[in-house]
Amino acid sequence: MASGLQCWNASGVLVADLTDYNMRYVGTTTLGIGTGTTTSWNVGWGGMRPTGWLAIVRQTYNSNDFYCIPYNDSFVVQYLPVSGVYAQTLIIDIYTFE
């Protein structure tokens, strides 16, 4: 159950929002990356939406060089440096929140 605190002023404007979110683990997928110059990969995941979803790369040698952007029924994995990606397999955990 989510919990938190929301406060509105006399005009009905939300002035404080300290609500919490329910996070739910949905699953795990892997992404095999080959050596080369590609820096963006699309990964299908049925039901995913741009809001309320997270895809997080698990800790690997250079996992801080990757981030994920959720879209409808998929997410994109981006490599931050402009080149120099080497062959590896990323493990990506999927979560939803409300």
PDB file of N, CA and C in Angstrom:
ATOM      1  N   MET A   1       0.838  -1.164   0.000  1.00  0.00           N
ATOM      2  CA  MET A   1       0.000   0.000   0.000  1.00  0.00           C
ATOM      3  C   MET A   1       0.892   1.237   0.000  1.00  0.00           C
ATOM      4  N   ALA A   2       0.613   2.162  -0.877  1.00  0.00           N
ATOM      5  CA  ALA A   2       1.363   3.414  -0.925  1.00  0.00           C
ATOM      6  C   ALA A   2       0.961   4.285   0.253  1.00  0.00           C
ATOM      7  N   SER A   3       1.894   5.110   0.698  1.00  0.00           N
ATOM      8  CA  SER A   3       1.599   6.046   1.777  1.00  0.00           C
ATOM      9  C   SER A   3       2.294   7.351   1.479  1.00  0.00           C
ATOM     10  N   GLY A   4       1.974   8.374   2.236  1.00  0.00           N
ATOM     11  CA  GLY A   4       2.615   9.655   2.034  1.00  0.00           C
ATOM     12  C   GLY A   4       1.755  10.779   2.551  1.00  0.00           C
ATOM     13  N   LEU A   5       2.078  11.986   2.116  1.00  0.00           N
ATOM     14  CA  LEU A   5       1.381  13.176   2.573  1.00  0.00           C
ATOM     15  C   LEU A   5       1.238  14.142   1.410  1.00  0.00           C
ATOM     16  N   GLN A   6       0.036  14.636   1.214  1.00  0.00           N
ATOM     17  CA  GLN A   6      -0.215  15.682   0.229  1.00  0.00           C
ATOM     18  C   GLN A   6      -0.937  16.824   0.930  1.00  0.00           C
ATOM     19  N   CYS A   7      -0.519  18.079   0.646  1.00  0.00           N
ATOM     20  CA  CYS A   7      -1.136  19.260   1.252  1.00  0.00           C
ATOM     21  C   CYS A   7      -1.497  20.264   0.165  1.00  0.00           C
ATOM     22  N   TRP A   8      -2.696  20.823   0.277  1.00  0.00           N
ATOM     23  CA  TRP A   8      -3.176  21.834  -0.655  1.00  0.00           C
ATOM     24  C   TRP A   8      -3.376  23.150   0.087  1.00  0.00           C
ATOM     25  N   ASN A   9      -3.194  24.270  -0.600  1.00  0.00           N
ATOM     26  CA  ASN A   9      -3.470  25.564   0.023  1.00  0.00           C
ATOM     27  C   ASN A   9      -4.958  25.882  -0.099  1.00  0.00           C
ATOM     28  N   ALA A  10      -5.358  27.047   0.389  1.00  0.00           N
ATOM     29  CA  ALA A  10      -6.774  27.430   0.399  1.00  0.00           C
ATOM     30  C   ALA A  10      -7.360  27.526  -0.999  1.00  0.00           C
ATOM     31  N   SER A  11      -6.505  27.734  -2.010  1.00  0.00           N
ATOM     32  CA  SER A  11      -6.975  27.836  -3.396  1.00  0.00           C
ATOM     33  C   SER A  11      -7.063  26.476  -4.085  1.00  0.00           C
ATOM     34  N   GLY A  12      -6.726  25.426  -3.367  1.00  0.00           N
ATOM     35  CA  GLY A  12      -6.785  24.093  -3.947  1.00  0.00           C
ATOM     36  C   GLY A  12      -5.547  23.699  -4.730  1.00  0.00           C
ATOM     37  N   VAL A  13      -4.448  24.443  -4.569  1.00  0.00           N
ATOM     38  CA  VAL A  13      -3.196  24.148  -5.266  1.00  0.00           C
ATOM     39  C   VAL A  13      -2.354  23.210  -4.399  1.00  0.00           C
ATOM     40  N   LEU A  14      -1.872  22.130  -4.995  1.00  0.00           N
ATOM     41  CA  LEU A  14      -1.016  21.190  -4.280  1.00  0.00           C
ATOM     42  C   LEU A  14       0.311  21.872  -3.970  1.00  0.00           C
ATOM     43  N   VAL A  15       0.653  21.999  -2.681  1.00  0.00           N
ATOM     44  CA  VAL A  15       1.875  22.706  -2.292  1.00  0.00           C
ATOM     45  C   VAL A  15       2.936  21.767  -1.727  1.00  0.00           C
ATOM     46  N   ALA A  16       2.554  20.577  -1.298  1.00  0.00           N
ATOM     47  CA  ALA A  16       3.515  19.594  -0.802  1.00  0.00           C
ATOM     48  C   ALA A  16       3.037  18.209  -1.219  1.00  0.00           C
ATOM     49  N   ASP A  17       3.946  17.433  -1.797  1.00  0.00           N
ATOM     50  CA  ASP A  17       3.599  16.087  -2.240  1.00  0.00           C
ATOM     51  C   ASP A  17       4.712  15.137  -1.820  1.00  0.00           C
ATOM     52  N   LEU A  18       4.491  14.434  -0.743  1.00  0.00           N
ATOM     53  CA  LEU A  18       5.476  13.495  -0.215  1.00  0.00           C
ATOM     54  C   LEU A  18       4.959  12.066  -0.322  1.00  0.00           C
ATOM     55  N   THR A  19       4.274  11.780  -1.419  1.00  0.00           N
ATOM     56  CA  THR A  19       3.700  10.454  -1.594  1.00  0.00           C
ATOM     57  C   THR A  19       4.768   9.424  -1.908  1.00  0.00           C
ATOM     58  N   ASP A  20       4.411   8.207  -1.705  1.00  0.00           N
ATOM     59  CA  ASP A  20       5.292   7.074  -1.944  1.00  0.00           C
ATOM     60  C   ASP A  20       4.747   6.290  -3.138  1.00  0.00           C
ATOM     61  N   TYR A  21       5.559   5.457  -3.714  1.00  0.00           N
ATOM     62  CA  TYR A  21       5.137   4.634  -4.840  1.00  0.00           C
ATOM     63  C   TYR A  21       5.272   3.161  -4.488  1.00  0.00           C
ATOM     64  N   ASN A  22       4.393   2.356  -5.029  1.00  0.00           N
ATOM     65  CA  ASN A  22       4.528   0.907  -4.937  1.00  0.00           C
ATOM     66  C   ASN A  22       5.372   0.449  -6.116  1.00  0.00           C
ATOM     67  N   MET A  23       6.504  -0.194  -5.835  1.00  0.00           N
ATOM     68  CA  MET A  23       7.357  -0.744  -6.890  1.00  0.00           C
ATOM     69  C   MET A  23       7.096  -2.242  -6.980  1.00  0.00           C
ATOM     70  N   ARG A  24       7.078  -2.755  -8.198  1.00  0.00           N
ATOM     71  CA  ARG A  24       6.874  -4.186  -8.404  1.00  0.00           C
ATOM     72  C   ARG A  24       7.877  -4.681  -9.432  1.00  0.00           C
ATOM     73  N   TYR A  25       8.623  -5.709  -9.042  1.00  0.00           N
ATOM     74  CA  TYR A  25       9.549  -6.356  -9.965  1.00  0.00           C
ATOM     75  C   TYR A  25       8.732  -7.120 -10.997  1.00  0.00           C
ATOM     76  N   VAL A  26       9.024  -6.899 -12.286  1.00  0.00           N
ATOM     77  CA  VAL A  26       8.269  -7.534 -13.364  1.00  0.00           C
ATOM     78  C   VAL A  26       9.057  -8.678 -13.994  1.00  0.00           C
ATOM     79  N   GLY A  27      10.367  -8.511 -14.143  1.00  0.00           N
ATOM     80  CA  GLY A  27      11.155  -9.567 -14.756  1.00  0.00           C
ATOM     81  C   GLY A  27      12.549  -9.102 -15.126  1.00  0.00           C
ATOM     82  N   THR A  28      13.265  -9.981 -15.783  1.00  0.00           N
ATOM     83  CA  THR A  28      14.643  -9.729 -16.197  1.00  0.00           C
ATOM     84  C   THR A  28      14.800 -10.135 -17.652  1.00  0.00           C
ATOM     85  N   THR A  29      15.624  -9.398 -18.365  1.00  0.00           N
ATOM     86  CA  THR A  29      15.966  -9.759 -19.733  1.00  0.00           C
ATOM     87  C   THR A  29      17.454  -9.513 -19.924  1.00  0.00           C
ATOM     88  N   THR A  30      18.005 -10.043 -20.999  1.00  0.00           N
ATOM     89  CA  THR A  30      19.409  -9.809 -21.313  1.00  0.00           C
ATOM     90  C   THR A  30      19.518  -9.170 -22.689  1.00  0.00           C
ATOM     91  N   LEU A  31      20.609  -8.474 -22.885  1.00  0.00           N
ATOM     92  CA  LEU A  31      20.895  -7.847 -24.171  1.00  0.00           C
ATOM     93  C   LEU A  31      22.335  -8.157 -24.535  1.00  0.00           C
ATOM     94  N   GLY A  32      22.513  -8.920 -25.614  1.00  0.00           N
ATOM     95  CA  GLY A  32      23.848  -9.210 -26.109  1.00  0.00           C
ATOM     96  C   GLY A  32      24.319  -8.091 -27.024  1.00  0.00           C
ATOM     97  N   ILE A  33      25.460  -7.524 -26.699  1.00  0.00           N
ATOM     98  CA  ILE A  33      26.012  -6.395 -27.458  1.00  0.00           C
ATOM     99  C   ILE A  33      27.306  -6.846 -28.111  1.00  0.00           C
ATOM    100  N   GLY A  34      27.433  -6.562 -29.386  1.00  0.00           N
ATOM    101  CA  GLY A  34      28.660  -6.872 -30.104  1.00  0.00           C
ATOM    102  C   GLY A  34      29.578  -5.662 -30.172  1.00  0.00           C
ATOM    103  N   THR A  35      30.846  -5.912 -30.377  1.00  0.00           N
ATOM    104  CA  THR A  35      31.806  -4.823 -30.538  1.00  0.00           C
ATOM    105  C   THR A  35      31.450  -4.018 -31.775  1.00  0.00           C
ATOM    106  N   GLY A  36      31.531  -2.711 -31.669  1.00  0.00           N
ATOM    107  CA  GLY A  36      31.214  -1.874 -32.822  1.00  0.00           C
ATOM    108  C   GLY A  36      30.905  -0.449 -32.444  1.00  0.00           C
ATOM    109  N   THR A  37      30.205   0.213 -33.336  1.00  0.00           N
ATOM    110  CA  THR A  37      29.922   1.631 -33.143  1.00  0.00           C
ATOM    111  C   THR A  37      28.463   1.911 -32.800  1.00  0.00           C
ATOM    112  N   THR A  38      27.611   0.872 -32.771  1.00  0.00           N
ATOM    113  CA  THR A  38      26.212   1.070 -32.395  1.00  0.00           C
ATOM    114  C   THR A  38      26.144   1.495 -30.939  1.00  0.00           C
ATOM    115  N   THR A  39      25.341   2.519 -30.634  1.00  0.00           N
ATOM    116  CA  THR A  39      25.231   3.004 -29.259  1.00  0.00           C
ATOM    117  C   THR A  39      23.793   3.019 -28.759  1.00  0.00           C
ATOM    118  N   SER A  40      22.873   2.383 -29.486  1.00  0.00           N
ATOM    119  CA  SER A  40      21.471   2.359 -29.084  1.00  0.00           C
ATOM    120  C   SER A  40      20.843   1.036 -29.523  1.00  0.00           C
ATOM    121  N   TRP A  41      20.101   0.393 -28.619  1.00  0.00           N
ATOM    122  CA  TRP A  41      19.467  -0.883 -28.904  1.00  0.00           C
ATOM    123  C   TRP A  41      18.024  -0.849 -28.413  1.00  0.00           C
ATOM    124  N   ASN A  42      17.098  -1.347 -29.213  1.00  0.00           N
ATOM    125  CA  ASN A  42      15.691  -1.420 -28.843  1.00  0.00           C
ATOM    126  C   ASN A  42      15.393  -2.831 -28.329  1.00  0.00           C
ATOM    127  N   VAL A  43      14.767  -2.915 -27.156  1.00  0.00           N
ATOM    128  CA  VAL A  43      14.442  -4.198 -26.540  1.00  0.00           C
ATOM    129  C   VAL A  43      12.932  -4.255 -26.322  1.00  0.00           C
ATOM    130  N   GLY A  44      12.270  -5.246 -26.900  1.00  0.00           N
ATOM    131  CA  GLY A  44      10.827  -5.379 -26.733  1.00  0.00           C
ATOM    132  C   GLY A  44      10.451  -5.886 -25.350  1.00  0.00           C
ATOM    133  N   TRP A  45       9.404  -5.285 -24.769  1.00  0.00           N
ATOM    134  CA  TRP A  45       8.866  -5.758 -23.493  1.00  0.00           C
ATOM    135  C   TRP A  45       7.379  -5.431 -23.473  1.00  0.00           C
ATOM    136  N   GLY A  46       6.545  -6.436 -23.699  1.00  0.00           N
ATOM    137  CA  GLY A  46       5.104  -6.243 -23.793  1.00  0.00           C
ATOM    138  C   GLY A  46       4.498  -5.597 -22.557  1.00  0.00           C
ATOM    139  N   GLY A  47       3.674  -4.585 -22.763  1.00  0.00           N
ATOM    140  CA  GLY A  47       2.991  -3.899 -21.674  1.00  0.00           C
ATOM    141  C   GLY A  47       3.724  -2.704 -21.117  1.00  0.00           C
ATOM    142  N   MET A  48       5.003  -2.546 -21.454  1.00  0.00           N
ATOM    143  CA  MET A  48       5.770  -1.413 -20.936  1.00  0.00           C
ATOM    144  C   MET A  48       5.193  -0.113 -21.467  1.00  0.00           C
ATOM    145  N   ARG A  49       5.277   0.930 -20.667  1.00  0.00           N
ATOM    146  CA  ARG A  49       4.785   2.259 -21.024  1.00  0.00           C
ATOM    147  C   ARG A  49       5.846   3.301 -20.688  1.00  0.00           C
ATOM    148  N   PRO A  50       5.756   4.493 -21.282  1.00  0.00           N
ATOM    149  CA  PRO A  50       6.741   5.547 -21.010  1.00  0.00           C
ATOM    150  C   PRO A  50       6.704   6.068 -19.574  1.00  0.00           C
ATOM    151  N   THR A  51       5.574   5.921 -18.891  1.00  0.00           N
ATOM    152  CA  THR A  51       5.489   6.368 -17.503  1.00  0.00           C
ATOM    153  C   THR A  51       5.139   5.184 -16.618  1.00  0.00           C
ATOM    154  N   GLY A  52       5.679   5.183 -15.421  1.00  0.00           N
ATOM    155  CA  GLY A  52       5.384   4.119 -14.468  1.00  0.00           C
ATOM    156  C   GLY A  52       6.203   2.856 -14.657  1.00  0.00           C
ATOM    157  N   TRP A  53       7.240   2.901 -15.476  1.00  0.00           N
ATOM    158  CA  TRP A  53       8.092   1.744 -15.724  1.00  0.00           C
ATOM    159  C   TRP A  53       9.563   2.133 -15.631  1.00  0.00           C
ATOM    160  N   LEU A  54      10.389   1.192 -15.158  1.00  0.00           N
ATOM    161  CA  LEU A  54      11.841   1.368 -15.104  1.00  0.00           C
ATOM    162  C   LEU A  54      12.522   0.134 -15.669  1.00  0.00           C
ATOM    163  N   ALA A  55      13.572   0.337 -16.409  1.00  0.00           N
ATOM    164  CA  ALA A  55      14.462  -0.738 -16.843  1.00  0.00           C
ATOM    165  C   ALA A  55      15.847  -0.346 -16.345  1.00  0.00           C
ATOM    166  N   ILE A  56      16.447  -1.198 -15.511  1.00  0.00           N
ATOM    167  CA  ILE A  56      17.705  -0.859 -14.852  1.00  0.00           C
ATOM    168  C   ILE A  56      18.755  -1.901 -15.194  1.00  0.00           C
ATOM    169  N   VAL A  57      19.896  -1.450 -15.697  1.00  0.00           N
ATOM    170  CA  VAL A  57      21.017  -2.342 -16.010  1.00  0.00           C
ATOM    171  C   VAL A  57      21.683  -2.739 -14.700  1.00  0.00           C
ATOM    172  N   ARG A  58      21.813  -4.047 -14.478  1.00  0.00           N
ATOM    173  CA  ARG A  58      22.495  -4.538 -13.276  1.00  0.00           C
ATOM    174  C   ARG A  58      23.963  -4.154 -13.316  1.00  0.00           C
ATOM    175  N   GLN A  59      24.574  -4.178 -12.161  1.00  0.00           N
ATOM    176  CA  GLN A  59      25.985  -3.828 -12.039  1.00  0.00           C
ATOM    177  C   GLN A  59      26.852  -4.778 -12.860  1.00  0.00           C
ATOM    178  N   THR A  60      27.606  -4.220 -13.783  1.00  0.00           N
ATOM    179  CA  THR A  60      28.603  -4.961 -14.551  1.00  0.00           C
ATOM    180  C   THR A  60      29.867  -4.117 -14.566  1.00  0.00           C
ATOM    181  N   TYR A  61      30.837  -4.515 -15.344  1.00  0.00           N
ATOM    182  CA  TYR A  61      32.109  -3.790 -15.374  1.00  0.00           C
ATOM    183  C   TYR A  61      31.912  -2.307 -15.657  1.00  0.00           C
ATOM    184  N   ASN A  62      31.102  -1.973 -16.635  1.00  0.00           N
ATOM    185  CA  ASN A  62      30.884  -0.557 -16.960  1.00  0.00           C
ATOM    186  C   ASN A  62      29.392  -0.248 -17.105  1.00  0.00           C
ATOM    187  N   SER A  63      28.573  -0.799 -16.215  1.00  0.00           N
ATOM    188  CA  SER A  63      27.124  -0.607 -16.337  1.00  0.00           C
ATOM    189  C   SER A  63      26.713   0.850 -16.190  1.00  0.00           C
ATOM    190  N   ASN A  64      27.549   1.677 -15.573  1.00  0.00           N
ATOM    191  CA  ASN A  64      27.199   3.099 -15.461  1.00  0.00           C
ATOM    192  C   ASN A  64      27.325   3.819 -16.800  1.00  0.00           C
ATOM    193  N   ASP A  65      27.786   3.146 -17.845  1.00  0.00           N
ATOM    194  CA  ASP A  65      27.846   3.732 -19.185  1.00  0.00           C
ATOM    195  C   ASP A  65      26.554   3.514 -19.972  1.00  0.00           C
ATOM    196  N   PHE A  66      25.569   2.839 -19.374  1.00  0.00           N
ATOM    197  CA  PHE A  66      24.312   2.531 -20.053  1.00  0.00           C
ATOM    198  C   PHE A  66      23.131   3.090 -19.268  1.00  0.00           C
ATOM    199  N   TYR A  67      22.095   3.488 -19.993  1.00  0.00           N
ATOM    200  CA  TYR A  67      20.829   3.850 -19.350  1.00  0.00           C
ATOM    201  C   TYR A  67      19.688   3.409 -20.256  1.00  0.00           C
ATOM    202  N   CYS A  68      18.491   3.295 -19.679  1.00  0.00           N
ATOM    203  CA  CYS A  68      17.327   2.787 -20.409  1.00  0.00           C
ATOM    204  C   CYS A  68      16.209   3.822 -20.426  1.00  0.00           C
ATOM    205  N   ILE A  69      15.512   3.911 -21.557  1.00  0.00           N
ATOM    206  CA  ILE A  69      14.378   4.816 -21.726  1.00  0.00           C
ATOM    207  C   ILE A  69      13.155   3.973 -22.076  1.00  0.00           C
ATOM    208  N   PRO A  70      12.102   3.988 -21.238  1.00  0.00           N
ATOM    209  CA  PRO A  70      10.908   3.194 -21.545  1.00  0.00           C
ATOM    210  C   PRO A  70      10.042   3.834 -22.624  1.00  0.00           C
ATOM    211  N   TYR A  71       9.475   2.991 -23.471  1.00  0.00           N
ATOM    212  CA  TYR A  71       8.521   3.398 -24.503  1.00  0.00           C
ATOM    213  C   TYR A  71       7.336   2.439 -24.451  1.00  0.00           C
ATOM    214  N   ASN A  72       6.419   2.525 -25.382  1.00  0.00           N
ATOM    215  CA  ASN A  72       5.294   1.598 -25.449  1.00  0.00           C
ATOM    216  C   ASN A  72       5.765   0.243 -25.951  1.00  0.00           C
ATOM    217  N   ASP A  73       5.603  -0.773 -25.119  1.00  0.00           N
ATOM    218  CA  ASP A  73       5.947  -2.165 -25.426  1.00  0.00           C
ATOM    219  C   ASP A  73       7.424  -2.400 -25.723  1.00  0.00           C
ATOM    220  N   SER A  74       8.293  -1.498 -25.292  1.00  0.00           N
ATOM    221  CA  SER A  74       9.730  -1.683 -25.481  1.00  0.00           C
ATOM    222  C   SER A  74      10.480  -0.644 -24.657  1.00  0.00           C
ATOM    223  N   PHE A  75      11.797  -0.794 -24.628  1.00  0.00           N
ATOM    224  CA  PHE A  75      12.650   0.244 -24.060  1.00  0.00           C
ATOM    225  C   PHE A  75      13.928   0.304 -24.879  1.00  0.00           C
ATOM    226  N   VAL A  76      14.584   1.439 -24.826  1.00  0.00           N
ATOM    227  CA  VAL A  76      15.825   1.648 -25.561  1.00  0.00           C
ATOM    228  C   VAL A  76      16.976   1.687 -24.563  1.00  0.00           C
ATOM    229  N   VAL A  77      18.027   0.947 -24.862  1.00  0.00           N
ATOM    230  CA  VAL A  77      19.249   0.986 -24.069  1.00  0.00           C
ATOM    231  C   VAL A  77      20.227   1.888 -24.808  1.00  0.00           C
ATOM    232  N   GLN A  78      20.720   2.893 -24.129  1.00  0.00           N
ATOM    233  CA  GLN A  78      21.672   3.845 -24.713  1.00  0.00           C
ATOM    234  C   GLN A  78      23.046   3.659 -24.077  1.00  0.00           C
ATOM    235  N   TYR A  79      24.084   3.751 -24.892  1.00  0.00           N
ATOM    236  CA  TYR A  79      25.471   3.731 -24.433  1.00  0.00           C
ATOM    237  C   TYR A  79      25.946   5.169 -24.402  1.00  0.00           C
ATOM    238  N   LEU A  80      26.401   5.641 -23.245  1.00  0.00           N
ATOM    239  CA  LEU A  80      26.735   7.056 -23.094  1.00  0.00           C
ATOM    240  C   LEU A  80      27.940   7.521 -23.906  1.00  0.00           C
ATOM    241  N   PRO A  81      29.076   6.835 -23.895  1.00  0.00           N
ATOM    242  CA  PRO A  81      30.169   7.296 -24.757  1.00  0.00           C
ATOM    243  C   PRO A  81      29.764   7.222 -26.230  1.00  0.00           C
ATOM    244  N   VAL A  82      30.392   8.014 -27.064  1.00  0.00           N
ATOM    245  CA  VAL A  82      30.000   8.071 -28.472  1.00  0.00           C
ATOM    246  C   VAL A  82      30.558   6.914 -29.300  1.00  0.00           C
ATOM    247  N   SER A  83      31.495   6.172 -28.776  1.00  0.00           N
ATOM    248  CA  SER A  83      32.045   5.021 -29.497  1.00  0.00           C
ATOM    249  C   SER A  83      32.778   4.128 -28.503  1.00  0.00           C
ATOM    250  N   GLY A  84      33.277   3.021 -28.995  1.00  0.00           N
ATOM    251  CA  GLY A  84      34.121   2.159 -28.182  1.00  0.00           C
ATOM    252  C   GLY A  84      33.398   1.084 -27.396  1.00  0.00           C
ATOM    253  N   VAL A  85      32.164   0.770 -27.765  1.00  0.00           N
ATOM    254  CA  VAL A  85      31.460  -0.290 -27.054  1.00  0.00           C
ATOM    255  C   VAL A  85      32.116  -1.631 -27.366  1.00  0.00           C
ATOM    256  N   TYR A  86      32.239  -2.482 -26.348  1.00  0.00           N
ATOM    257  CA  TYR A  86      32.839  -3.791 -26.570  1.00  0.00           C
ATOM    258  C   TYR A  86      31.812  -4.885 -26.302  1.00  0.00           C
ATOM    259  N   ALA A  87      32.081  -6.061 -26.816  1.00  0.00           N
ATOM    260  CA  ALA A  87      31.140  -7.176 -26.706  1.00  0.00           C
ATOM    261  C   ALA A  87      30.900  -7.538 -25.245  1.00  0.00           C
ATOM    262  N   GLN A  88      29.614  -7.647 -24.895  1.00  0.00           N
ATOM    263  CA  GLN A  88      29.240  -8.001 -23.531  1.00  0.00           C
ATOM    264  C   GLN A  88      27.759  -8.348 -23.504  1.00  0.00           C
ATOM    265  N   THR A  89      27.308  -8.891 -22.405  1.00  0.00           N
ATOM    266  CA  THR A  89      25.890  -9.174 -22.198  1.00  0.00           C
ATOM    267  C   THR A  89      25.417  -8.377 -20.999  1.00  0.00           C
ATOM    268  N   LEU A  90      24.399  -7.547 -21.213  1.00  0.00           N
ATOM    269  CA  LEU A  90      23.813  -6.774 -20.125  1.00  0.00           C
ATOM    270  C   LEU A  90      22.630  -7.534 -19.549  1.00  0.00           C
ATOM    271  N   ILE A  91      22.497  -7.498 -18.241  1.00  0.00           N
ATOM    272  CA  ILE A  91      21.323  -8.040 -17.557  1.00  0.00           C
ATOM    273  C   ILE A  91      20.496  -6.843 -17.109  1.00  0.00           C
ATOM    274  N   ILE A  92      19.220  -6.832 -17.504  1.00  0.00           N
ATOM    275  CA  ILE A  92      18.369  -5.671 -17.257  1.00  0.00           C
ATOM    276  C   ILE A  92      17.146  -6.111 -16.460  1.00  0.00           C
ATOM    277  N   ASP A  93      16.928  -5.470 -15.312  1.00  0.00           N
ATOM    278  CA  ASP A  93      15.762  -5.741 -14.474  1.00  0.00           C
ATOM    279  C   ASP A  93      14.664  -4.743 -14.807  1.00  0.00           C
ATOM    280  N   ILE A  94      13.419  -5.231 -14.861  1.00  0.00           N
ATOM    281  CA  ILE A  94      12.265  -4.417 -15.231  1.00  0.00           C
ATOM    282  C   ILE A  94      11.357  -4.258 -14.007  1.00  0.00           C
ATOM    283  N   TYR A  95      10.940  -3.016 -13.750  1.00  0.00           N
ATOM    284  CA  TYR A  95      10.049  -2.701 -12.635  1.00  0.00           C
ATOM    285  C   TYR A  95       8.914  -1.817 -13.129  1.00  0.00           C
ATOM    286  N   THR A  96       7.787  -1.898 -12.435  1.00  0.00           N
ATOM    287  CA  THR A  96       6.691  -0.969 -12.655  1.00  0.00           C
ATOM    288  C   THR A  96       6.363  -0.323 -11.314  1.00  0.00           C
ATOM    289  N   PHE A  97       5.854   0.888 -11.359  1.00  0.00           N
ATOM    290  CA  PHE A  97       5.484   1.565 -10.112  1.00  0.00           C
ATOM    291  C   PHE A  97       4.205   2.345 -10.324  1.00  0.00           C
ATOM    292  N   GLU A  98       3.498   2.570  -9.217  1.00  0.00           N
ATOM    293  CA  GLU A  98       2.265   3.355  -9.265  1.00  0.00           C
ATOM    294  C   GLU A  98       2.171   4.204  -8.031  1.00  0.00           C
TER     295      GLU A  98
END
